[in-house]
N, C-alpha and C. Protein backbone atom coordinates (compact mmCIF):
# COMPACT_ATOMS: atom_id res chain seq x y z
N MET A 1 110.36 147.29 177.14
CA MET A 1 111.74 146.41 178.27
C MET A 1 111.31 145.13 177.88
N ASN A 2 112.42 144.66 178.24
CA ASN A 2 112.20 143.19 177.87
C ASN A 2 112.39 142.41 179.22
N ARG A 3 112.32 141.63 179.18
CA ARG A 3 111.89 140.47 180.44
C ARG A 3 113.23 140.49 180.85
N ALA A 4 114.11 140.41 181.10
CA ALA A 4 115.85 140.46 181.74
C ALA A 4 115.35 141.54 182.85
N THR A 5 115.20 143.06 182.19
CA THR A 5 115.12 143.90 182.85
C THR A 5 113.72 144.16 184.27
N PHE A 6 112.46 143.31 183.23
CA PHE A 6 111.58 142.81 184.36
C PHE A 6 112.46 142.10 186.08
N THR A 7 112.88 140.71 185.35
CA THR A 7 113.35 140.32 186.16
C THR A 7 114.87 140.57 187.09
N LEU A 8 114.94 141.44 186.86
CA LEU A 8 116.17 142.44 187.84
C LEU A 8 115.80 143.10 188.55
N LEU A 9 114.79 144.23 187.81
CA LEU A 9 113.22 144.93 188.96
C LEU A 9 112.84 144.23 189.73
N PHE A 10 112.45 143.05 189.84
CA PHE A 10 112.26 142.03 190.44
C PHE A 10 112.97 141.48 192.00
N LEU A 11 113.85 141.49 191.25
CA LEU A 11 115.51 140.91 192.11
C LEU A 11 115.41 141.99 193.11
N LEU A 12 115.46 143.20 192.37
CA LEU A 12 115.76 144.67 192.77
C LEU A 12 115.08 144.69 194.27
N LEU A 13 113.48 144.22 194.08
CA LEU A 13 112.35 144.83 194.81
C LEU A 13 112.66 144.01 195.81
N LEU A 14 112.60 142.63 195.39
CA LEU A 14 113.04 141.75 196.48
C LEU A 14 114.49 141.47 197.55
N CYS A 15 115.44 142.10 197.44
CA CYS A 15 116.06 142.52 198.05
C CYS A 15 116.48 143.91 198.97
N ALA A 16 115.43 144.31 198.39
CA ALA A 16 115.42 145.75 198.71
C ALA A 16 114.07 144.94 199.99
N LEU A 17 113.44 144.65 199.98
CA LEU A 17 112.02 143.47 201.17
C LEU A 17 112.53 143.11 202.14
N SER A 18 113.42 142.84 201.50
CA SER A 18 114.19 141.75 203.03
C SER A 18 115.19 142.83 203.76
N LEU A 19 116.24 143.19 202.77
CA LEU A 19 117.00 144.13 203.73
C LEU A 19 115.80 145.13 204.69
N VAL A 20 115.59 145.48 204.44
CA VAL A 20 114.00 146.30 205.73
C VAL A 20 114.15 144.83 206.55
N ALA A 21 113.32 144.26 206.21
CA ALA A 21 113.20 143.04 206.63
C ALA A 21 113.61 142.40 207.96
N ALA A 22 115.28 142.32 207.62
CA ALA A 22 116.34 142.58 208.32
C ALA A 22 116.20 143.34 209.19
N GLN A 23 116.33 144.73 208.92
CA GLN A 23 117.11 145.72 209.66
C GLN A 23 115.92 145.90 210.62
N GLN A 24 114.39 145.83 210.15
CA GLN A 24 113.69 145.37 211.39
C GLN A 24 113.77 144.22 212.25
N ARG A 25 113.81 142.81 212.10
CA ARG A 25 114.28 142.06 212.97
C ARG A 25 115.34 142.47 213.88
N ALA A 26 116.51 143.56 213.19
CA ALA A 26 117.81 143.48 214.07
C ALA A 26 117.48 144.85 215.22
N ARG A 27 116.25 145.68 214.77
CA ARG A 27 116.15 146.52 216.05
C ARG A 27 115.45 146.02 216.83
N SER A 28 114.45 145.18 216.68
CA SER A 28 113.55 144.37 217.22
C SER A 28 114.53 143.78 218.55
N LEU A 29 115.53 143.13 218.06
CA LEU A 29 116.69 142.44 218.48
C LEU A 29 117.24 143.08 219.69
N PHE A 30 117.63 144.16 219.40
CA PHE A 30 118.49 145.66 220.12
C PHE A 30 117.69 145.59 221.22
N ILE A 31 116.08 146.37 220.75
CA ILE A 31 115.04 146.07 221.63
C ILE A 31 115.28 144.93 222.84
N ALA A 32 114.52 143.98 222.47
CA ALA A 32 114.78 143.09 223.32
C ALA A 32 116.28 142.74 224.40
N LEU A 33 117.24 142.68 223.52
CA LEU A 33 118.70 142.70 223.88
C LEU A 33 118.77 144.04 225.35
N GLU A 34 118.19 145.35 224.95
CA GLU A 34 117.99 146.08 226.04
C GLU A 34 117.35 146.75 227.33
N ARG A 35 116.07 145.49 226.77
CA ARG A 35 115.11 145.10 227.51
C ARG A 35 115.92 144.20 229.06
N THR A 36 116.44 143.13 228.19
CA THR A 36 117.19 142.79 229.07
C THR A 36 118.03 142.60 229.79
N GLN A 37 118.71 143.28 229.43
CA GLN A 37 119.85 144.56 230.09
C GLN A 37 119.57 144.80 231.46
N ILE A 38 118.67 145.34 230.77
CA ILE A 38 118.01 146.44 232.37
C ILE A 38 117.43 145.70 233.25
N GLU A 39 116.95 144.22 233.26
CA GLU A 39 116.13 143.64 233.86
C GLU A 39 117.30 142.92 234.95
N GLU A 40 118.76 142.62 233.72
CA GLU A 40 119.64 141.81 234.62
C GLU A 40 120.32 143.17 235.65
N ARG A 41 120.36 144.30 235.12
CA ARG A 41 120.87 145.50 235.92
C ARG A 41 119.65 145.70 237.77
N LYS A 42 118.75 145.34 237.06
CA LYS A 42 117.59 145.21 238.44
C LYS A 42 117.85 144.30 239.58
N LEU A 43 117.48 142.93 238.66
CA LEU A 43 118.11 141.63 239.67
C LEU A 43 119.40 141.44 240.00
N ASN A 44 120.20 142.19 239.22
CA ASN A 44 121.46 141.92 240.19
C ASN A 44 121.53 143.38 241.54
N GLN A 45 120.66 144.52 241.10
CA GLN A 45 120.69 145.82 242.40
C GLN A 45 119.54 144.66 243.42
N ASP A 46 118.28 144.14 243.25
CA ASP A 46 118.09 143.20 244.10
C ASP A 46 119.30 142.00 244.79
N TRP A 47 120.10 141.47 243.88
CA TRP A 47 120.50 140.46 244.73
C TRP A 47 122.06 141.42 245.79
N LEU A 48 122.17 142.21 245.27
CA LEU A 48 123.41 142.79 246.24
C LEU A 48 122.66 143.95 247.43
N ARG A 49 121.36 143.83 247.20
CA ARG A 49 120.49 144.45 248.53
C ARG A 49 119.88 143.15 249.12
N LEU A 50 119.81 141.88 249.02
CA LEU A 50 119.12 140.80 249.37
C LEU A 50 120.76 140.23 250.58
N GLU A 51 121.80 140.33 249.77
CA GLU A 51 123.27 139.92 249.97
C GLU A 51 123.21 141.12 251.45
N TYR A 52 123.28 141.85 251.06
CA TYR A 52 123.13 143.21 252.47
C TYR A 52 122.22 142.43 253.34
N GLU A 53 121.24 142.94 253.35
CA GLU A 53 120.30 141.79 254.10
C GLU A 53 120.70 141.08 255.22
N GLN A 54 121.03 140.19 254.56
CA GLN A 54 121.88 138.42 254.89
C GLN A 54 122.82 139.27 256.06
N ARG A 55 123.56 139.57 255.38
CA ARG A 55 124.86 139.77 256.21
C ARG A 55 124.48 141.22 257.68
N ASN A 56 123.67 141.83 257.68
CA ASN A 56 122.70 142.22 258.80
C ASN A 56 122.66 141.04 259.92
N LEU A 57 121.50 140.70 259.10
CA LEU A 57 120.53 139.46 259.67
C LEU A 57 121.72 138.83 260.47
N SER A 58 122.77 137.89 260.06
CA SER A 58 123.34 137.05 260.56
C SER A 58 124.53 137.62 261.55
N LYS A 59 124.69 139.12 261.93
CA LYS A 59 125.46 139.57 262.92
C LYS A 59 125.41 138.73 264.12
N SER A 60 126.01 138.95 264.93
CA SER A 60 126.03 138.23 266.25
C SER A 60 125.17 139.43 267.08
N ALA A 61 125.45 140.39 267.13
CA ALA A 61 124.78 141.49 267.76
C ALA A 61 123.12 141.34 267.16
N ARG A 62 122.33 141.25 266.35
CA ARG A 62 121.34 140.92 266.04
C ARG A 62 121.45 139.42 266.45
N ILE A 63 122.12 138.45 266.53
CA ILE A 63 121.50 137.26 266.77
C ILE A 63 121.07 137.52 268.57
N ARG A 64 121.95 137.86 269.16
CA ARG A 64 121.91 138.71 270.40
C ARG A 64 120.76 139.06 271.08
N ASP A 65 120.57 140.48 270.13
CA ASP A 65 119.19 140.65 270.45
C ASP A 65 117.85 140.11 270.42
N VAL A 66 117.47 139.10 269.14
CA VAL A 66 116.59 138.20 268.92
C VAL A 66 116.70 137.66 270.16
N ALA A 67 117.51 136.35 271.02
CA ALA A 67 117.67 135.53 271.60
C ALA A 67 116.78 136.39 272.72
N ARG A 68 117.57 137.61 273.27
CA ARG A 68 117.13 138.23 274.89
C ARG A 68 115.74 138.70 274.34
N ASN A 69 115.31 139.54 273.47
CA ASN A 69 114.01 140.34 273.40
C ASN A 69 112.60 138.75 272.88
N GLN A 70 113.34 138.48 272.28
CA GLN A 70 112.08 137.67 271.71
C GLN A 70 112.22 136.03 271.87
N LEU A 71 113.03 135.90 272.44
CA LEU A 71 113.14 134.52 273.06
C LEU A 71 113.32 133.87 274.17
N ARG A 72 113.63 135.55 275.02
CA ARG A 72 114.01 136.20 276.11
C ARG A 72 114.70 134.82 277.27
N MET A 73 115.81 134.84 276.96
CA MET A 73 117.09 133.70 276.75
C MET A 73 118.22 134.85 277.42
N SER A 74 118.65 134.64 278.52
CA SER A 74 119.83 135.07 279.18
C SER A 74 120.97 134.08 279.26
N PRO A 75 121.79 135.23 279.39
CA PRO A 75 123.36 135.09 279.18
C PRO A 75 123.43 133.55 280.38
N ILE A 76 124.21 132.87 280.34
CA ILE A 76 124.72 131.82 280.98
C ILE A 76 125.58 132.47 282.45
N SER A 77 125.03 132.02 284.13
CA SER A 77 126.04 132.30 284.48
C SER A 77 126.06 131.53 285.85
N PRO A 78 127.24 131.22 286.50
CA PRO A 78 127.73 130.02 287.33
C PRO A 78 126.56 129.10 288.14
N GLU A 79 125.65 130.07 288.64
CA GLU A 79 124.40 129.98 289.39
C GLU A 79 123.22 129.28 288.38
N HIS A 80 123.03 128.96 287.29
CA HIS A 80 122.46 128.83 286.63
C HIS A 80 122.63 127.32 285.63
N THR A 81 124.66 127.17 286.03
CA THR A 81 124.59 126.37 285.56
C THR A 81 124.33 124.55 286.26
N LEU A 82 124.26 123.40 285.81
CA LEU A 82 123.90 122.38 286.46
C LEU A 82 124.74 121.21 285.67
N TYR A 83 125.79 120.99 286.67
CA TYR A 83 126.59 120.05 286.78
C TYR A 83 126.32 118.65 286.63
N LEU A 84 125.94 117.52 286.26
CA LEU A 84 126.21 116.54 286.10
C LEU A 84 128.09 115.40 286.11
N LYS A 85 127.75 114.37 287.07
CA LYS A 85 128.60 113.87 287.48
C LYS A 85 128.24 111.87 287.01
N GLU A 86 128.94 111.37 285.89
CA GLU A 86 128.87 110.20 285.29
C GLU A 86 129.01 109.32 285.82
N ALA A 87 127.74 108.57 286.07
CA ALA A 87 127.85 107.17 286.68
C ALA A 87 128.85 105.92 286.37
N ARG A 88 129.16 105.59 287.36
CA ARG A 88 130.16 104.54 286.89
C ARG A 88 130.15 103.36 287.26
C-alpha cells in the first residue's frame, strides 16, 4: 500500500471517531434537555400549587375566620363605636 492509502485510511478513522464523539455529545445534550424539561414541569406544578394556596389564603372568608379566631376580633357595632368631635 502506498502513502496516499494510509493517509486516507487515517483521515477515515479520524472522521469516524469525530462522528462518534459528536453523536455522544448530542446524546448527552439531549439527556440534559430532557432532565431540564422535567425540572421545568415540576417547577410549574409547584408554581400552580402556590398560586392556588395564595388564592385560598387571600379569600375574605379565610381572613374573617383568622380575625375572629386567632386575633379575637369582633364585628363593629354601634354600641362599641366611639365618635369624636373636632374641637374648633
